[in-house]
N, C-alpha and C. Protein backbone atom coordinates (compact mmCIF):
# COMPACT_ATOMS: atom_id res chain seq x y z
N MET A 1 26.73 20.22 75.07
CA MET A 1 26.12 19.77 74.23
C MET A 1 24.91 20.39 74.23
N ASP A 2 24.52 20.95 73.29
CA ASP A 2 23.44 21.58 72.77
C ASP A 2 22.12 21.01 72.19
N ILE A 3 21.41 20.24 73.14
CA ILE A 3 20.02 19.18 72.43
C ILE A 3 19.65 20.12 71.58
N GLN A 4 19.03 21.30 71.44
CA GLN A 4 18.24 22.23 70.25
C GLN A 4 19.15 21.77 68.87
N SER A 5 20.45 21.54 68.99
CA SER A 5 21.14 21.44 67.86
C SER A 5 21.22 20.14 67.29
N VAL A 6 21.01 19.55 68.01
CA VAL A 6 21.17 18.06 67.81
C VAL A 6 19.85 17.62 67.52
N ILE A 7 18.83 18.14 67.80
CA ILE A 7 17.42 17.82 67.43
C ILE A 7 17.05 18.35 65.92
N GLN A 8 17.89 19.63 65.82
CA GLN A 8 17.88 20.25 64.35
C GLN A 8 18.56 19.14 63.06
N SER A 9 19.78 19.32 63.86
CA SER A 9 20.55 18.12 62.89
C SER A 9 19.70 17.31 62.66
N GLN A 10 19.05 16.41 63.03
CA GLN A 10 18.43 14.84 63.01
C GLN A 10 17.07 15.51 62.01
N TYR A 11 16.32 16.49 62.32
CA TYR A 11 15.31 17.10 61.37
C TYR A 11 15.91 16.84 60.02
N HIS A 12 16.99 17.70 59.88
CA HIS A 12 17.39 18.03 58.62
C HIS A 12 17.80 16.96 57.86
N ALA A 13 18.42 16.28 58.64
CA ALA A 13 19.20 15.05 58.07
C ALA A 13 18.17 13.89 57.44
N SER A 14 16.96 13.94 58.61
CA SER A 14 15.64 13.06 57.81
C SER A 14 14.84 13.63 57.06
N LEU A 15 14.85 15.02 56.74
CA LEU A 15 14.12 15.80 55.78
C LEU A 15 15.00 15.73 54.39
N GLU A 16 16.36 15.66 54.16
CA GLU A 16 17.33 15.18 53.38
C GLU A 16 16.93 13.91 52.85
N MET A 17 16.61 13.23 53.77
CA MET A 17 16.22 11.71 53.22
C MET A 17 14.84 11.74 52.59
N LEU A 18 14.11 12.15 53.05
CA LEU A 18 12.75 12.53 52.36
C LEU A 18 12.97 13.12 51.22
N ALA A 19 13.84 14.06 50.90
CA ALA A 19 13.86 14.97 49.56
C ALA A 19 14.28 13.55 48.95
N GLN A 20 15.19 13.03 49.11
CA GLN A 20 15.75 11.88 48.15
C GLN A 20 14.72 10.78 47.56
N VAL A 21 13.86 10.42 48.25
CA VAL A 21 13.23 9.34 48.28
C VAL A 21 12.03 10.15 47.01
N VAL A 22 11.81 11.57 47.21
CA VAL A 22 10.63 12.16 46.27
C VAL A 22 11.56 12.15 45.24
N GLU A 23 12.50 12.80 45.42
CA GLU A 23 13.16 12.73 44.02
C GLU A 23 13.27 12.04 42.87
N LYS A 24 13.98 10.80 43.80
CA LYS A 24 14.21 9.59 42.61
C LYS A 24 12.75 8.77 42.29
N CYS A 25 11.45 9.09 42.86
CA CYS A 25 10.68 8.42 42.69
C CYS A 25 10.20 8.56 41.19
N PRO A 26 10.35 7.34 40.72
CA PRO A 26 9.88 7.44 39.18
C PRO A 26 8.23 7.45 38.93
N PRO A 27 7.70 8.31 37.45
CA PRO A 27 6.77 8.39 37.64
C PRO A 27 5.61 7.29 37.85
N ASP A 28 5.58 6.24 37.26
CA ASP A 28 4.85 5.17 37.73
C ASP A 28 4.39 4.85 38.86
N LEU A 29 5.46 5.15 39.99
CA LEU A 29 5.30 4.98 41.02
C LEU A 29 4.43 6.00 42.14
N TRP A 30 4.41 7.04 41.76
CA TRP A 30 4.16 8.58 42.41
C TRP A 30 2.54 8.03 42.73
N ASN A 31 1.86 7.72 41.98
CA ASN A 31 0.21 7.37 41.97
C ASN A 31 -0.27 6.16 41.73
N ARG A 32 0.49 5.06 41.87
CA ARG A 32 0.03 4.04 41.47
C ARG A 32 -0.88 3.22 42.56
N GLU A 33 -2.09 2.90 41.70
CA GLU A 33 -3.04 2.54 42.27
C GLU A 33 -3.16 1.22 42.94
N GLU A 34 -2.37 0.23 43.03
CA GLU A 34 -2.35 -0.59 43.56
C GLU A 34 -2.02 -0.72 44.90
N ASP A 35 -1.12 0.75 45.23
CA ASP A 35 -0.88 0.68 46.53
C ASP A 35 -1.77 1.54 47.65
N LYS A 36 -1.88 0.91 48.51
CA LYS A 36 -3.25 1.21 49.45
C LYS A 36 -3.07 2.58 49.71
N ASN A 37 -1.44 3.19 50.26
CA ASN A 37 -1.05 4.35 50.51
C ASN A 37 -0.22 5.06 49.07
N ARG A 38 -0.44 6.04 48.49
CA ARG A 38 -0.11 6.35 47.48
C ARG A 38 1.22 7.15 47.63
N PHE A 39 2.34 6.81 46.99
CA PHE A 39 3.93 7.84 47.48
C PHE A 39 3.64 8.95 47.41
N TRP A 40 2.84 9.73 47.03
CA TRP A 40 2.55 11.43 46.96
C TRP A 40 2.03 11.31 48.75
N ARG A 41 1.12 10.56 48.48
CA ARG A 41 0.20 10.99 49.91
C ARG A 41 1.10 10.39 51.19
N LEU A 42 2.06 9.30 51.12
CA LEU A 42 2.95 8.88 52.16
C LEU A 42 4.07 10.22 52.58
N ALA A 43 4.70 10.76 51.57
CA ALA A 43 5.27 11.85 51.54
C ALA A 43 4.56 13.14 52.27
N TYR A 44 3.49 13.62 51.42
CA TYR A 44 2.73 14.42 52.06
C TYR A 44 2.53 14.25 53.44
N HIS A 45 2.02 13.28 54.24
CA HIS A 45 1.51 12.80 55.39
C HIS A 45 2.91 13.05 56.27
N ALA A 46 3.80 12.47 55.99
CA ALA A 46 5.20 12.68 56.72
C ALA A 46 5.31 14.31 56.91
N LEU A 47 5.53 15.07 55.57
CA LEU A 47 5.86 16.26 56.13
C LEU A 47 4.57 17.20 56.88
N PHE A 48 3.34 16.63 56.59
CA PHE A 48 2.16 17.54 57.59
C PHE A 48 2.61 17.39 58.96
N TYR A 49 2.69 15.70 59.09
CA TYR A 49 2.80 15.71 60.72
C TYR A 49 4.00 16.00 61.00
N THR A 50 5.23 16.30 60.43
CA THR A 50 6.37 16.85 60.95
C THR A 50 6.16 18.14 61.53
N HIS A 51 5.58 18.83 60.14
CA HIS A 51 5.04 20.24 60.21
C HIS A 51 4.37 20.83 61.65
N LEU A 52 3.24 20.09 62.00
CA LEU A 52 2.42 19.95 63.03
C LEU A 52 2.89 19.93 64.20
N TYR A 53 3.86 18.72 64.64
CA TYR A 53 4.22 18.44 65.90
C TYR A 53 5.75 19.22 66.07
N LEU A 54 5.87 19.92 65.03
CA LEU A 54 7.12 21.24 65.29
C LEU A 54 6.13 22.56 65.86
N SER A 55 4.99 22.66 65.85
CA SER A 55 4.28 23.57 66.30
C SER A 55 3.83 23.52 67.84
N SER A 56 3.68 24.94 68.25
CA SER A 56 3.21 24.59 69.43
C SER A 56 2.29 23.84 70.08
N SER A 57 1.51 23.87 69.30
CA SER A 57 -0.09 23.49 70.01
C SER A 57 -0.74 22.96 68.44
N ASP A 58 -1.80 22.24 69.03
CA ASP A 58 -2.86 21.82 68.04
C ASP A 58 -3.65 23.12 66.96
N GLU A 59 -3.91 24.13 68.33
CA GLU A 59 -4.29 25.17 68.29
C GLU A 59 -3.76 26.53 67.38
N ASP A 60 -2.33 26.55 67.56
CA ASP A 60 -1.64 27.24 67.29
C ASP A 60 -1.17 26.79 65.73
N PHE A 61 -0.98 25.78 65.23
CA PHE A 61 -0.57 25.28 63.93
C PHE A 61 -1.52 26.05 62.95
N ILE A 62 -0.10 26.77 61.90
CA ILE A 62 -0.83 27.09 60.67
C ILE A 62 -0.50 26.39 59.53
N PRO A 63 -1.56 25.73 58.96
CA PRO A 63 -0.83 24.94 57.83
C PRO A 63 -0.25 25.34 56.50
N TRP A 64 0.70 24.70 55.80
CA TRP A 64 1.37 25.16 54.52
C TRP A 64 -0.19 25.62 53.57
N GLU A 65 0.52 26.83 52.69
CA GLU A 65 -0.83 27.72 52.23
C GLU A 65 -1.18 26.66 51.12
N LYS A 66 -0.92 25.65 50.78
CA LYS A 66 -1.69 24.40 49.65
C LYS A 66 -1.98 23.27 50.43
N HIS A 67 -1.90 23.47 51.53
CA HIS A 67 -2.63 22.73 52.26
C HIS A 67 -3.98 22.18 51.95
N ARG A 68 -4.30 20.77 51.24
CA ARG A 68 -5.71 20.65 51.19
C ARG A 68 -6.38 19.73 52.31
N GLU A 69 -7.51 19.98 52.70
CA GLU A 69 -8.36 19.49 53.97
C GLU A 69 -8.03 18.11 53.87
N LYS A 70 -8.09 17.07 54.78
CA LYS A 70 -8.06 15.90 54.98
C LYS A 70 -6.98 15.20 53.93
N TYR A 71 -5.90 15.88 53.54
CA TYR A 71 -5.07 15.03 52.56
C TYR A 71 -3.64 14.79 53.41
N HIS A 72 -3.79 14.77 54.94
CA HIS A 72 -2.88 14.53 55.71
C HIS A 72 -3.33 12.88 56.09
N ASN A 73 -4.74 12.49 55.96
CA ASN A 73 -5.28 11.33 56.75
C ASN A 73 -4.99 10.25 55.95
N MET A 74 -4.38 9.05 56.89
CA MET A 74 -4.21 7.83 56.18
C MET A 74 -5.05 7.43 57.37
N GLY A 75 -6.31 6.32 56.51
CA GLY A 75 -6.98 5.26 57.12
C GLY A 75 -8.31 6.35 57.47
N PRO A 76 -9.29 5.69 58.35
CA PRO A 76 -10.04 6.14 58.92
C PRO A 76 -10.05 7.47 59.83
N ALA A 77 -10.92 8.99 59.55
CA ALA A 77 -10.49 9.91 60.52
C ALA A 77 -10.69 9.59 61.85
N PRO A 78 -10.07 10.63 62.47
CA PRO A 78 -10.04 10.29 63.84
C PRO A 78 -11.20 10.66 64.72
N GLU A 79 -11.89 11.40 64.03
CA GLU A 79 -13.47 11.79 64.62
C GLU A 79 -14.58 11.37 63.57
N PRO A 80 -15.74 11.09 64.74
CA PRO A 80 -16.73 10.37 63.87
C PRO A 80 -17.09 11.40 62.44
N PRO A 81 -17.67 10.48 61.38
CA PRO A 81 -18.10 8.92 61.51
C PRO A 81 -16.79 8.06 60.98
N HIS A 82 -15.45 8.65 61.21
CA HIS A 82 -14.51 7.75 60.93
C HIS A 82 -14.14 7.50 59.43
N GLU A 83 -14.97 8.19 58.68
CA GLU A 83 -14.65 7.80 57.18
C GLU A 83 -13.47 7.72 56.65
N VAL A 84 -13.14 6.94 55.81
CA VAL A 84 -11.65 7.00 54.94
C VAL A 84 -12.18 8.07 53.94
N PHE A 85 -10.95 8.95 53.88
CA PHE A 85 -11.16 9.94 52.82
C PHE A 85 -10.14 9.44 51.61
N GLN A 86 -10.57 9.77 50.53
CA GLN A 86 -9.72 9.56 49.01
C GLN A 86 -9.76 10.50 48.39
N PRO A 87 -8.71 11.31 48.48
CA PRO A 87 -8.45 12.42 47.53
C PRO A 87 -8.15 12.41 46.19
N GLU A 88 -9.08 13.26 45.26
CA GLU A 88 -9.27 13.18 43.97
C GLU A 88 -7.84 13.64 43.27
N THR A 89 -7.41 14.63 43.71
CA THR A 89 -6.17 15.11 43.13
C THR A 89 -4.94 15.01 43.58
N PRO A 90 -3.88 14.24 43.53
CA PRO A 90 -2.76 13.89 43.81
C PRO A 90 -1.89 15.17 43.99
N TYR A 91 -1.15 15.37 44.70
CA TYR A 91 -0.03 16.55 44.80
C TYR A 91 1.33 16.47 43.69
N THR A 92 1.51 16.99 43.30
CA THR A 92 2.64 16.75 42.54
C THR A 92 3.99 16.87 43.16
N LYS A 93 5.12 15.82 42.37
CA LYS A 93 6.48 16.29 43.04
C LYS A 93 6.72 17.40 43.29
N ALA A 94 6.88 18.34 42.40
CA ALA A 94 7.23 19.55 42.50
C ALA A 94 6.34 20.44 43.56
N GLU A 95 5.09 19.96 44.17
CA GLU A 95 4.92 20.80 45.25
C GLU A 95 5.19 20.06 46.63
N ILE A 96 5.16 18.50 46.47
CA ILE A 96 5.93 18.06 47.94
C ILE A 96 7.38 18.61 47.98
N LEU A 97 8.11 18.76 46.94
CA LEU A 97 9.15 19.41 47.13
C LEU A 97 8.86 20.95 47.56
N GLU A 98 8.07 21.65 47.02
CA GLU A 98 7.88 22.92 47.65
C GLU A 98 7.63 22.86 49.32
N TYR A 99 6.83 21.89 49.64
CA TYR A 99 6.75 21.94 50.74
C TYR A 99 7.58 21.49 51.74
N HIS A 100 8.41 20.34 51.70
CA HIS A 100 9.83 19.96 51.80
C HIS A 100 10.32 21.21 52.11
N GLN A 101 10.96 21.87 50.99
CA GLN A 101 11.62 22.95 51.41
C GLN A 101 11.03 24.39 52.36
N PHE A 102 9.69 24.46 52.43
CA PHE A 102 9.05 25.02 53.31
C PHE A 102 9.78 25.00 54.51
N LEU A 103 9.14 23.34 55.11
CA LEU A 103 9.52 23.24 56.26
C LEU A 103 10.71 23.10 56.59
N LYS A 104 11.93 22.76 55.89
CA LYS A 104 13.28 22.73 55.70
C LYS A 104 14.02 24.06 56.20
N ASP A 105 13.27 24.85 56.10
CA ASP A 105 13.50 26.48 56.27
C ASP A 105 13.00 27.19 57.36
N LYS A 106 12.10 26.25 58.14
CA LYS A 106 11.80 26.74 59.14
C LYS A 106 11.82 25.82 60.71
N VAL A 107 12.56 24.77 60.10
CA VAL A 107 12.97 23.92 61.52
C VAL A 107 13.69 24.45 62.60
N ASP A 108 14.86 25.15 62.03
CA ASP A 108 15.63 25.89 63.31
C ASP A 108 15.03 26.57 64.05
N GLY A 109 14.13 27.45 63.36
CA GLY A 109 13.37 28.27 64.36
C GLY A 109 12.43 27.77 65.07
N LEU A 110 11.84 27.02 64.48
CA LEU A 110 10.55 26.41 65.25
C LEU A 110 11.18 25.41 66.46
N VAL A 111 12.35 24.83 66.29
CA VAL A 111 13.08 23.59 67.47
C VAL A 111 13.35 24.84 68.20
N ASP A 112 14.26 26.26 67.95
CA ASP A 112 14.44 26.96 68.97
C ASP A 112 13.69 27.62 69.78
N ALA A 113 12.48 27.13 69.09
CA ALA A 113 11.09 27.81 69.82
C ALA A 113 10.25 26.95 71.18
N VAL A 114 11.02 25.68 71.09
CA VAL A 114 10.36 24.50 71.73
C VAL A 114 11.03 24.70 73.09
N ASP A 115 10.19 24.42 74.11
CA ASP A 115 10.41 24.34 75.60
C ASP A 115 10.36 22.94 75.99
N LEU A 116 11.82 22.38 75.81
CA LEU A 116 11.71 20.85 75.85
C LEU A 116 10.94 20.05 77.14
N HIS A 117 10.93 20.84 77.97
CA HIS A 117 10.38 20.37 79.30
C HIS A 117 8.77 20.75 79.58
N ALA A 118 8.27 21.85 78.58
CA ALA A 118 7.21 21.58 78.37
C ALA A 118 5.89 20.05 78.19
N GLU A 119 4.84 20.33 78.22
CA GLU A 119 4.00 19.13 78.04
C GLU A 119 4.02 19.38 76.26
N SER A 120 3.13 18.65 75.64
CA SER A 120 3.57 18.46 74.03
C SER A 120 2.77 19.39 73.31
N GLY A 121 1.47 20.02 74.15
CA GLY A 121 0.67 20.48 73.39
C GLY A 121 -0.34 19.99 72.55
N PHE A 122 -0.35 18.48 72.52
CA PHE A 122 -1.33 18.03 71.99
C PHE A 122 -2.30 16.78 72.95
N TYR A 123 -3.45 17.09 72.88
CA TYR A 123 -3.94 16.67 73.92
C TYR A 123 -3.73 15.12 73.87
N TRP A 124 -3.82 14.33 72.71
CA TRP A 124 -3.51 13.06 72.40
C TRP A 124 -2.30 12.27 72.24
N LEU A 125 -1.10 13.10 72.81
CA LEU A 125 0.21 13.00 73.04
C LEU A 125 0.64 13.18 74.70
N PRO A 126 0.14 12.19 75.35
CA PRO A 126 0.38 13.16 76.47
C PRO A 126 1.94 12.54 77.38
N PHE A 127 2.69 13.67 76.15
CA PHE A 127 4.52 13.42 76.90
C PHE A 127 4.80 14.78 76.82
N SER A 128 6.55 14.91 77.22
CA SER A 128 7.08 16.33 77.22
C SER A 128 7.32 16.60 75.74
N LYS A 129 7.54 18.09 75.48
CA LYS A 129 7.83 18.12 74.24
C LYS A 129 9.25 17.52 73.95
N LEU A 130 10.30 17.37 74.56
CA LEU A 130 11.33 16.74 74.32
C LEU A 130 10.96 15.20 73.83
N GLU A 131 9.86 14.40 74.19
CA GLU A 131 9.27 13.21 73.83
C GLU A 131 8.68 13.48 72.60
N LEU A 132 7.94 14.55 72.21
CA LEU A 132 7.21 14.70 71.28
C LEU A 132 8.53 14.79 70.21
N GLN A 133 9.78 15.28 70.25
CA GLN A 133 10.68 15.46 69.17
C GLN A 133 11.24 14.09 68.17
N LEU A 134 11.09 13.58 69.79
CA LEU A 134 11.74 11.92 69.27
C LEU A 134 10.51 11.14 68.60
N TYR A 135 9.26 11.43 68.76
CA TYR A 135 8.43 10.78 68.40
C TYR A 135 8.12 11.27 67.04
N ASN A 136 8.41 12.51 66.53
CA ASN A 136 7.90 13.13 65.58
C ASN A 136 8.96 12.46 64.41
N LEU A 137 10.58 12.60 64.81
CA LEU A 137 11.27 11.87 64.19
C LEU A 137 11.22 10.69 63.57
N ARG A 138 10.79 9.61 64.87
CA ARG A 138 10.56 8.38 64.43
C ARG A 138 9.38 8.04 63.33
N HIS A 139 8.42 9.11 63.46
CA HIS A 139 7.08 9.04 62.22
C HIS A 139 7.82 9.38 61.27
N LEU A 140 8.22 10.36 60.95
CA LEU A 140 9.23 10.99 59.84
C LEU A 140 10.15 9.84 59.15
N MET A 141 10.72 9.06 59.66
CA MET A 141 11.73 8.06 59.42
C MET A 141 11.30 6.60 59.23
N GLN A 142 9.93 6.65 59.70
CA GLN A 142 9.26 5.52 59.49
C GLN A 142 8.65 5.21 57.88
N HIS A 143 8.51 6.62 57.42
CA HIS A 143 7.71 6.76 56.36
C HIS A 143 8.40 6.93 55.18
N VAL A 144 9.88 7.46 55.52
CA VAL A 144 10.90 7.62 54.43
C VAL A 144 11.50 6.36 54.48
N GLY A 145 11.49 5.49 55.39
CA GLY A 145 11.82 4.04 55.35
C GLY A 145 11.10 3.17 54.43
N GLU A 146 9.59 3.38 54.25
CA GLU A 146 8.83 2.64 53.71
C GLU A 146 8.89 3.38 52.38
N LEU A 147 9.25 4.61 52.07
CA LEU A 147 9.19 4.66 50.56
C LEU A 147 10.29 4.46 50.51
N GLY A 148 11.69 4.37 50.87
CA GLY A 148 12.83 3.86 50.22
C GLY A 148 12.70 2.28 49.99
N GLU A 149 11.92 1.84 50.95
CA GLU A 149 11.71 -0.04 50.54
C GLU A 149 11.10 0.18 49.56
N ARG A 150 9.70 1.10 49.25
CA ARG A 150 9.15 0.86 47.91
C ARG A 150 10.00 1.29 46.34
N LEU A 151 10.84 2.23 46.74
CA LEU A 151 11.68 2.37 45.77
C LEU A 151 12.40 1.21 45.38
N GLY A 152 13.41 0.53 46.39
CA GLY A 152 14.21 -0.67 46.17
C GLY A 152 13.38 -1.54 45.32
N HIS A 153 12.55 -2.39 46.11
CA HIS A 153 11.40 -3.21 45.61
C HIS A 153 10.73 -2.99 44.24
N SER A 154 10.36 -1.52 43.85
CA SER A 154 9.72 -1.39 42.81
C SER A 154 10.55 -0.97 41.79
N ALA A 155 11.80 -0.22 42.03
CA ALA A 155 12.06 0.54 40.92
C ALA A 155 13.94 0.23 40.95
N ASN A 156 14.19 -0.41 41.86
CA ASN A 156 15.91 -1.14 42.02
C ASN A 156 16.62 0.14 42.42
N LEU A 157 16.08 1.08 43.38
CA LEU A 157 16.79 2.32 43.60
C LEU A 157 16.87 2.78 44.86
N GLU A 158 18.19 3.01 45.75
CA GLU A 158 18.65 3.18 46.94
C GLU A 158 18.49 4.90 47.59
N VAL A 159 18.54 4.67 48.64
CA VAL A 159 18.61 6.35 49.04
C VAL A 159 20.11 6.12 49.99
N ASP A 160 20.52 7.36 50.02
CA ASP A 160 21.77 7.53 50.56
C ASP A 160 21.24 7.79 52.39
N TRP A 161 21.97 7.12 53.44
CA TRP A 161 21.62 7.37 54.86
C TRP A 161 22.87 8.90 54.73
N VAL A 162 21.95 9.52 55.75
CA VAL A 162 22.26 10.85 55.86
C VAL A 162 22.41 10.72 57.27
N GLY A 163 23.34 10.86 57.90
CA GLY A 163 23.53 10.71 59.46
C GLY A 163 23.36 11.74 60.20
N MET A 164 23.68 12.87 60.01
CA MET A 164 23.42 14.25 60.41
C MET A 164 23.68 15.47 59.78
N HIS A 165 23.03 16.94 60.45
CA HIS A 165 23.57 17.90 59.45
C HIS A 165 24.01 19.12 60.57
N ARG A 166 25.11 19.64 60.25
CA ARG A 166 25.50 20.72 61.23
C ARG A 166 25.42 22.19 60.19
N LYS A 167 24.84 23.06 61.22
CA LYS A 167 24.71 24.44 60.53
C LYS A 167 25.91 24.82 59.32
N ASP A 168 27.27 24.43 60.29
CA ASP A 168 28.56 24.92 59.40
C ASP A 168 29.16 24.33 58.82
N SER A 169 28.14 23.13 58.31
CA SER A 169 28.59 21.88 57.24
C SER A 169 28.06 22.40 55.81
């Protein structure tokens, strides 16, 4: 069994599910004021951190070309003065799907480059790269589930389960 291929498969399956929730999101849910965390922002946050944690380290991370400073933060900033950032301009659905495609195209190469026995590369995550991949997938799917539940509750829409993705399929 090739562990890197299994990890790639699960990233692709999870990203496919994220694309589904984004594509299915009706306009009235995309930036709904009563949502503490707007739909678009959760989708962007999930993509940003998936991208970040696929990088070798915080120092080596190169953000997506359309990244906007602080837009990935949810809640208080991790550094003092711990302010809560409120973005002014939401990302569009097309922009989120563009970032999704950008990341989808990079996943295999990024996972192939990972030394699963090395340290995470992020001082705030004191575990191995292997555990980082599991952590990263859980984080991505937490937000996919959250957005899927929002679609179900507010728009009576469902997301199809994607169990795996194989390169030869």
